[in-house]
Amino acid sequence: MDHEFIAEWFRFADTDLLSAEHLQSLYPQPLEIICYHCQQSVEKSLKGYLINKGAMEPPKTHNLNTLIDMCLEYDEHFDKIKRICDTLNRYGVQPRYPNEIEILEQDMLKALEYARQIWDFEALMEVRQKTSL
């Protein structure tokens, strides 16, 4: 198992979350991009977890529901964050294009909260610690 490759996925996830938090300080706040970075942070964390479990390559999907279902095959505790992933899933593609999705400030705040919860999720934290992030 290539710990550096796995750690790289978590570093990218961390960068997405830090970017979302930084963008929150801008005025006007780029709500769509903040939500997109929150989704990306979760996506990359889940892919890092799956690679740790033996996936040779990260699954080629942006769908958090697909990724969480794959994680559930290894650990039933991922059910605790399934609803969060479902909520964040809508921010994976649509916010990148004009007029595709309406996002309010409360949506952005919830996306940041959810991304932080997943960052702190025990199963993901264990993998990050094992791979030295």
N, C-alpha and C. Protein backbone atom coordinates (compact mmCIF):
# COMPACT_ATOMS: atom_id res chain seq x y z
N MET A 1 0.85 -1.18 0.00
CA MET A 1 0.00 0.00 0.00
C MET A 1 0.89 1.24 0.00
N ASP A 2 0.60 2.15 -0.88
CA ASP A 2 1.39 3.37 -1.02
C ASP A 2 0.81 4.47 -0.12
N HIS A 3 1.38 4.59 1.07
CA HIS A 3 0.88 5.56 2.04
C HIS A 3 0.97 6.99 1.51
N GLU A 4 2.01 7.28 0.74
CA GLU A 4 2.17 8.64 0.20
C GLU A 4 1.04 8.97 -0.77
N PHE A 5 0.64 8.00 -1.61
CA PHE A 5 -0.46 8.22 -2.55
C PHE A 5 -1.76 8.49 -1.81
N ILE A 6 -2.00 7.72 -0.76
CA ILE A 6 -3.21 7.91 0.05
C ILE A 6 -3.16 9.26 0.74
N ALA A 7 -2.01 9.58 1.32
CA ALA A 7 -1.86 10.86 2.01
C ALA A 7 -2.09 12.03 1.06
N GLU A 8 -1.68 11.86 -0.20
CA GLU A 8 -1.88 12.92 -1.19
C GLU A 8 -3.37 13.21 -1.39
N TRP A 9 -4.19 12.18 -1.42
CA TRP A 9 -5.64 12.38 -1.54
C TRP A 9 -6.18 13.17 -0.36
N PHE A 10 -5.70 12.85 0.84
CA PHE A 10 -6.15 13.58 2.02
C PHE A 10 -5.59 15.00 2.05
N ARG A 11 -4.40 15.21 1.53
CA ARG A 11 -3.86 16.58 1.44
C ARG A 11 -4.73 17.43 0.50
N PHE A 12 -5.12 16.84 -0.62
CA PHE A 12 -6.00 17.57 -1.53
C PHE A 12 -7.36 17.85 -0.88
N ALA A 13 -7.86 16.89 -0.13
CA ALA A 13 -9.13 17.09 0.58
C ALA A 13 -9.00 18.23 1.58
N ASP A 14 -7.88 18.27 2.29
CA ASP A 14 -7.63 19.33 3.26
C ASP A 14 -7.55 20.69 2.56
N THR A 15 -6.87 20.72 1.42
CA THR A 15 -6.76 21.97 0.67
C THR A 15 -8.12 22.47 0.21
N ASP A 16 -8.97 21.56 -0.22
CA ASP A 16 -10.33 21.98 -0.62
C ASP A 16 -11.09 22.57 0.57
N LEU A 17 -11.00 21.93 1.72
CA LEU A 17 -11.71 22.44 2.89
C LEU A 17 -11.14 23.79 3.33
N LEU A 18 -9.81 23.91 3.34
CA LEU A 18 -9.19 25.19 3.69
C LEU A 18 -9.56 26.28 2.69
N SER A 19 -9.64 25.92 1.42
CA SER A 19 -10.04 26.89 0.39
C SER A 19 -11.47 27.37 0.63
N ALA A 20 -12.36 26.43 0.93
CA ALA A 20 -13.75 26.80 1.21
C ALA A 20 -13.82 27.75 2.39
N GLU A 21 -13.08 27.45 3.44
CA GLU A 21 -13.09 28.31 4.62
C GLU A 21 -12.51 29.69 4.31
N HIS A 22 -11.47 29.74 3.51
CA HIS A 22 -10.87 31.03 3.13
C HIS A 22 -11.86 31.84 2.28
N LEU A 23 -12.47 31.20 1.32
CA LEU A 23 -13.40 31.91 0.44
C LEU A 23 -14.59 32.50 1.20
N GLN A 24 -14.89 31.94 2.34
CA GLN A 24 -15.99 32.44 3.16
C GLN A 24 -15.71 33.87 3.62
N SER A 25 -14.45 34.26 3.68
CA SER A 25 -14.10 35.60 4.14
C SER A 25 -14.24 36.68 3.06
N LEU A 26 -14.49 36.27 1.84
CA LEU A 26 -14.62 37.23 0.74
C LEU A 26 -15.99 37.89 0.74
N TYR A 27 -16.05 39.05 0.12
CA TYR A 27 -17.34 39.71 -0.07
C TYR A 27 -17.41 40.21 -1.50
N PRO A 28 -18.43 39.81 -2.23
CA PRO A 28 -19.46 38.85 -1.82
C PRO A 28 -18.91 37.44 -1.77
N GLN A 29 -19.51 36.64 -0.92
CA GLN A 29 -19.07 35.25 -0.79
C GLN A 29 -19.45 34.46 -2.03
N PRO A 30 -18.50 33.73 -2.60
CA PRO A 30 -18.81 32.87 -3.75
C PRO A 30 -19.46 31.57 -3.26
N LEU A 31 -20.75 31.63 -2.95
CA LEU A 31 -21.45 30.52 -2.31
C LEU A 31 -21.31 29.21 -3.07
N GLU A 32 -21.45 29.29 -4.38
CA GLU A 32 -21.39 28.08 -5.21
C GLU A 32 -20.02 27.42 -5.12
N ILE A 33 -18.98 28.23 -5.19
CA ILE A 33 -17.61 27.70 -5.18
C ILE A 33 -17.25 27.15 -3.80
N ILE A 34 -17.73 27.80 -2.75
CA ILE A 34 -17.50 27.29 -1.40
C ILE A 34 -18.15 25.92 -1.24
N CYS A 35 -19.39 25.80 -1.68
CA CYS A 35 -20.09 24.51 -1.59
C CYS A 35 -19.40 23.45 -2.44
N TYR A 36 -18.92 23.86 -3.60
CA TYR A 36 -18.20 22.94 -4.48
C TYR A 36 -16.94 22.41 -3.78
N HIS A 37 -16.18 23.29 -3.15
CA HIS A 37 -14.97 22.85 -2.45
C HIS A 37 -15.30 21.94 -1.27
N CYS A 38 -16.43 22.18 -0.62
CA CYS A 38 -16.85 21.29 0.47
C CYS A 38 -17.13 19.89 -0.07
N GLN A 39 -17.83 19.81 -1.18
CA GLN A 39 -18.11 18.52 -1.80
C GLN A 39 -16.82 17.85 -2.23
N GLN A 40 -15.91 18.62 -2.81
CA GLN A 40 -14.65 18.07 -3.28
C GLN A 40 -13.81 17.53 -2.12
N SER A 41 -13.81 18.21 -0.99
CA SER A 41 -13.08 17.75 0.18
C SER A 41 -13.59 16.38 0.61
N VAL A 42 -14.89 16.23 0.64
CA VAL A 42 -15.49 14.95 1.04
C VAL A 42 -15.18 13.88 0.00
N GLU A 43 -15.35 14.22 -1.27
CA GLU A 43 -15.08 13.26 -2.34
C GLU A 43 -13.65 12.72 -2.25
N LYS A 44 -12.69 13.59 -2.07
CA LYS A 44 -11.30 13.17 -2.03
C LYS A 44 -10.99 12.37 -0.76
N SER A 45 -11.62 12.71 0.34
CA SER A 45 -11.44 11.94 1.57
C SER A 45 -11.96 10.51 1.40
N LEU A 46 -13.15 10.39 0.82
CA LEU A 46 -13.73 9.06 0.62
C LEU A 46 -12.88 8.24 -0.35
N LYS A 47 -12.37 8.88 -1.38
CA LYS A 47 -11.51 8.18 -2.33
C LYS A 47 -10.20 7.75 -1.66
N GLY A 48 -9.65 8.59 -0.80
CA GLY A 48 -8.46 8.22 -0.05
C GLY A 48 -8.72 6.99 0.82
N TYR A 49 -9.88 6.98 1.44
CA TYR A 49 -10.26 5.82 2.26
C TYR A 49 -10.35 4.56 1.41
N LEU A 50 -11.00 4.66 0.26
CA LEU A 50 -11.16 3.49 -0.61
C LEU A 50 -9.82 2.99 -1.15
N ILE A 51 -8.92 3.90 -1.47
CA ILE A 51 -7.59 3.50 -1.92
C ILE A 51 -6.87 2.77 -0.79
N ASN A 52 -7.04 3.28 0.43
CA ASN A 52 -6.45 2.62 1.59
C ASN A 52 -6.99 1.19 1.75
N LYS A 53 -8.21 0.99 1.35
CA LYS A 53 -8.83 -0.34 1.47
C LYS A 53 -8.48 -1.25 0.30
N GLY A 54 -7.72 -0.76 -0.65
CA GLY A 54 -7.24 -1.64 -1.71
C GLY A 54 -7.61 -1.26 -3.12
N ALA A 55 -8.37 -0.21 -3.31
CA ALA A 55 -8.68 0.23 -4.68
C ALA A 55 -7.37 0.67 -5.33
N MET A 56 -7.08 0.12 -6.49
CA MET A 56 -5.84 0.47 -7.19
C MET A 56 -5.86 1.92 -7.67
N GLU A 57 -7.01 2.36 -8.08
CA GLU A 57 -7.22 3.74 -8.51
C GLU A 57 -8.46 4.25 -7.80
N PRO A 58 -8.56 5.54 -7.62
CA PRO A 58 -9.80 6.05 -7.04
C PRO A 58 -10.95 5.83 -8.01
N PRO A 59 -12.13 5.53 -7.50
CA PRO A 59 -13.28 5.38 -8.40
C PRO A 59 -13.49 6.64 -9.22
N LYS A 60 -13.82 6.48 -10.47
CA LYS A 60 -13.99 7.62 -11.37
C LYS A 60 -15.45 8.10 -11.32
N THR A 61 -15.77 8.74 -10.21
CA THR A 61 -17.10 9.30 -10.03
C THR A 61 -17.00 10.50 -9.10
N HIS A 62 -17.91 11.43 -9.28
CA HIS A 62 -18.05 12.56 -8.36
C HIS A 62 -19.23 12.35 -7.42
N ASN A 63 -19.92 11.23 -7.60
CA ASN A 63 -21.14 10.96 -6.85
C ASN A 63 -20.80 10.46 -5.45
N LEU A 64 -21.06 11.29 -4.46
CA LEU A 64 -20.77 10.91 -3.07
C LEU A 64 -21.61 9.74 -2.61
N ASN A 65 -22.81 9.61 -3.15
CA ASN A 65 -23.66 8.48 -2.76
C ASN A 65 -23.03 7.16 -3.20
N THR A 66 -22.46 7.14 -4.38
CA THR A 66 -21.77 5.95 -4.86
C THR A 66 -20.56 5.65 -3.98
N LEU A 67 -19.79 6.69 -3.68
CA LEU A 67 -18.59 6.51 -2.86
C LEU A 67 -18.92 6.05 -1.45
N ILE A 68 -19.95 6.62 -0.86
CA ILE A 68 -20.30 6.22 0.51
C ILE A 68 -20.79 4.78 0.53
N ASP A 69 -21.52 4.37 -0.50
CA ASP A 69 -21.96 2.97 -0.58
C ASP A 69 -20.76 2.03 -0.67
N MET A 70 -19.74 2.45 -1.40
CA MET A 70 -18.52 1.64 -1.50
C MET A 70 -17.81 1.58 -0.14
N CYS A 71 -17.77 2.69 0.58
CA CYS A 71 -17.15 2.71 1.90
C CYS A 71 -17.91 1.84 2.89
N LEU A 72 -19.22 1.81 2.75
CA LEU A 72 -20.06 0.98 3.63
C LEU A 72 -19.74 -0.50 3.49
N GLU A 73 -19.20 -0.90 2.35
CA GLU A 73 -18.81 -2.30 2.18
C GLU A 73 -17.67 -2.68 3.13
N TYR A 74 -16.91 -1.69 3.60
CA TYR A 74 -15.78 -1.93 4.49
C TYR A 74 -16.09 -1.61 5.94
N ASP A 75 -17.01 -0.66 6.16
CA ASP A 75 -17.27 -0.20 7.52
C ASP A 75 -18.69 0.34 7.60
N GLU A 76 -19.51 -0.32 8.40
CA GLU A 76 -20.92 0.06 8.52
C GLU A 76 -21.10 1.42 9.19
N HIS A 77 -20.07 1.91 9.86
CA HIS A 77 -20.18 3.22 10.52
C HIS A 77 -20.31 4.38 9.53
N PHE A 78 -19.97 4.14 8.27
CA PHE A 78 -20.13 5.18 7.27
C PHE A 78 -21.61 5.55 7.09
N ASP A 79 -22.49 4.71 7.59
CA ASP A 79 -23.92 5.02 7.54
C ASP A 79 -24.22 6.32 8.31
N LYS A 80 -23.37 6.64 9.29
CA LYS A 80 -23.55 7.86 10.09
C LYS A 80 -23.40 9.13 9.25
N ILE A 81 -22.65 9.05 8.15
CA ILE A 81 -22.43 10.25 7.35
C ILE A 81 -23.10 10.15 5.97
N LYS A 82 -23.91 9.13 5.78
CA LYS A 82 -24.58 8.94 4.49
C LYS A 82 -25.49 10.12 4.14
N ARG A 83 -26.28 10.58 5.10
CA ARG A 83 -27.19 11.71 4.85
C ARG A 83 -26.42 12.98 4.51
N ILE A 84 -25.31 13.19 5.20
CA ILE A 84 -24.47 14.36 4.93
C ILE A 84 -23.95 14.30 3.50
N CYS A 85 -23.47 13.12 3.10
CA CYS A 85 -22.95 12.96 1.74
C CYS A 85 -24.05 13.21 0.71
N ASP A 86 -25.25 12.75 1.00
CA ASP A 86 -26.36 12.96 0.08
C ASP A 86 -26.63 14.46 -0.09
N THR A 87 -26.56 15.21 1.00
CA THR A 87 -26.77 16.66 0.94
C THR A 87 -25.68 17.35 0.13
N LEU A 88 -24.42 16.98 0.39
CA LEU A 88 -23.30 17.62 -0.30
C LEU A 88 -23.19 17.19 -1.76
N ASN A 89 -23.77 16.07 -2.09
CA ASN A 89 -23.65 15.51 -3.44
C ASN A 89 -24.09 16.50 -4.52
N ARG A 90 -25.08 17.29 -4.22
CA ARG A 90 -25.61 18.23 -5.22
C ARG A 90 -24.62 19.33 -5.61
N TYR A 91 -23.57 19.48 -4.83
CA TYR A 91 -22.60 20.54 -5.09
C TYR A 91 -21.40 20.08 -5.93
N GLY A 92 -21.40 18.85 -6.38
CA GLY A 92 -20.26 18.31 -7.09
C GLY A 92 -20.11 18.77 -8.52
N VAL A 93 -21.21 19.06 -9.18
CA VAL A 93 -21.14 19.44 -10.59
C VAL A 93 -21.90 20.73 -10.85
N GLN A 94 -23.13 20.80 -10.40
CA GLN A 94 -24.00 21.92 -10.75
C GLN A 94 -23.47 23.30 -10.40
N PRO A 95 -22.82 23.51 -9.25
CA PRO A 95 -22.36 24.87 -8.93
C PRO A 95 -21.30 25.41 -9.87
N ARG A 96 -20.73 24.56 -10.70
CA ARG A 96 -19.68 25.03 -11.60
C ARG A 96 -20.23 25.74 -12.83
N TYR A 97 -21.53 25.73 -13.00
CA TYR A 97 -22.14 26.30 -14.19
C TYR A 97 -23.20 27.33 -13.80
N PRO A 98 -23.30 28.42 -14.55
CA PRO A 98 -24.28 29.46 -14.21
C PRO A 98 -25.71 28.93 -14.29
N ASN A 99 -26.52 29.41 -13.38
CA ASN A 99 -27.96 29.17 -13.37
C ASN A 99 -28.35 27.70 -13.23
N GLU A 100 -27.46 26.86 -12.72
CA GLU A 100 -27.78 25.45 -12.57
C GLU A 100 -28.38 25.13 -11.19
N ILE A 101 -28.03 25.94 -10.20
CA ILE A 101 -28.46 25.64 -8.84
C ILE A 101 -28.50 26.95 -8.05
N GLU A 102 -29.50 27.12 -7.23
CA GLU A 102 -29.57 28.30 -6.37
C GLU A 102 -29.06 27.91 -4.99
N ILE A 103 -28.04 28.61 -4.54
CA ILE A 103 -27.44 28.33 -3.24
C ILE A 103 -27.55 29.59 -2.39
N LEU A 104 -28.05 29.41 -1.19
CA LEU A 104 -28.21 30.51 -0.25
C LEU A 104 -27.09 30.44 0.80
N GLU A 105 -26.93 31.52 1.55
CA GLU A 105 -25.89 31.55 2.57
C GLU A 105 -26.05 30.41 3.57
N GLN A 106 -27.28 30.10 3.94
CA GLN A 106 -27.50 29.01 4.90
C GLN A 106 -27.07 27.66 4.32
N ASP A 107 -27.20 27.49 3.00
CA ASP A 107 -26.72 26.27 2.34
C ASP A 107 -25.20 26.18 2.45
N MET A 108 -24.55 27.29 2.23
CA MET A 108 -23.09 27.34 2.29
C MET A 108 -22.61 27.04 3.71
N LEU A 109 -23.25 27.62 4.70
CA LEU A 109 -22.86 27.37 6.09
C LEU A 109 -23.04 25.90 6.46
N LYS A 110 -24.12 25.32 6.00
CA LYS A 110 -24.37 23.90 6.26
C LYS A 110 -23.34 23.04 5.54
N ALA A 111 -22.99 23.39 4.31
CA ALA A 111 -21.98 22.63 3.56
C ALA A 111 -20.64 22.66 4.29
N LEU A 112 -20.25 23.81 4.81
CA LEU A 112 -18.99 23.91 5.57
C LEU A 112 -19.05 23.06 6.84
N GLU A 113 -20.16 23.13 7.54
CA GLU A 113 -20.33 22.33 8.75
C GLU A 113 -20.23 20.84 8.42
N TYR A 114 -20.90 20.41 7.37
CA TYR A 114 -20.88 19.00 6.99
C TYR A 114 -19.49 18.55 6.55
N ALA A 115 -18.81 19.38 5.79
CA ALA A 115 -17.46 19.01 5.34
C ALA A 115 -16.53 18.86 6.53
N ARG A 116 -16.68 19.72 7.53
CA ARG A 116 -15.85 19.61 8.74
C ARG A 116 -16.20 18.34 9.52
N GLN A 117 -17.49 18.01 9.58
CA GLN A 117 -17.90 16.78 10.27
C GLN A 117 -17.28 15.55 9.61
N ILE A 118 -17.28 15.53 8.30
CA ILE A 118 -16.72 14.39 7.61
C ILE A 118 -15.20 14.37 7.77
N TRP A 119 -14.57 15.53 7.77
CA TRP A 119 -13.12 15.59 7.99
C TRP A 119 -12.78 14.97 9.35
N ASP A 120 -13.65 15.17 10.33
CA ASP A 120 -13.43 14.66 11.68
C ASP A 120 -14.00 13.25 11.89
N PHE A 121 -14.60 12.67 10.87
CA PHE A 121 -15.20 11.34 10.99
C PHE A 121 -14.11 10.32 11.33
N GLU A 122 -14.36 9.52 12.36
CA GLU A 122 -13.34 8.65 12.94
C GLU A 122 -12.65 7.72 11.94
N ALA A 123 -13.40 7.07 11.09
CA ALA A 123 -12.81 6.12 10.13
C ALA A 123 -11.85 6.82 9.17
N LEU A 124 -12.19 8.04 8.77
CA LEU A 124 -11.31 8.80 7.88
C LEU A 124 -10.10 9.34 8.64
N MET A 125 -10.33 9.76 9.86
CA MET A 125 -9.24 10.27 10.68
C MET A 125 -8.18 9.19 10.92
N GLU A 126 -8.62 7.96 11.14
CA GLU A 126 -7.69 6.85 11.35
C GLU A 126 -6.78 6.65 10.13
N VAL A 127 -7.36 6.73 8.94
CA VAL A 127 -6.56 6.55 7.73
C VAL A 127 -5.59 7.71 7.57
N ARG A 128 -6.05 8.93 7.81
CA ARG A 128 -5.16 10.10 7.72
C ARG A 128 -3.98 9.94 8.67
N GLN A 129 -4.25 9.50 9.90
CA GLN A 129 -3.17 9.34 10.88
C GLN A 129 -2.20 8.25 10.45
N LYS A 130 -2.71 7.16 9.91
CA LYS A 130 -1.85 6.06 9.46
C LYS A 130 -0.95 6.47 8.29
N THR A 131 -1.44 7.41 7.49
CA THR A 131 -0.68 7.81 6.30
C THR A 131 0.05 9.13 6.54
N SER A 132 0.15 9.55 7.78
CA SER A 132 0.92 10.72 8.23
C SER A 132 0.42 12.08 7.80
N LEU A 133 -0.84 12.24 7.68
CA LEU A 133 -1.33 13.60 7.41
C LEU A 133 -1.74 14.23 8.72
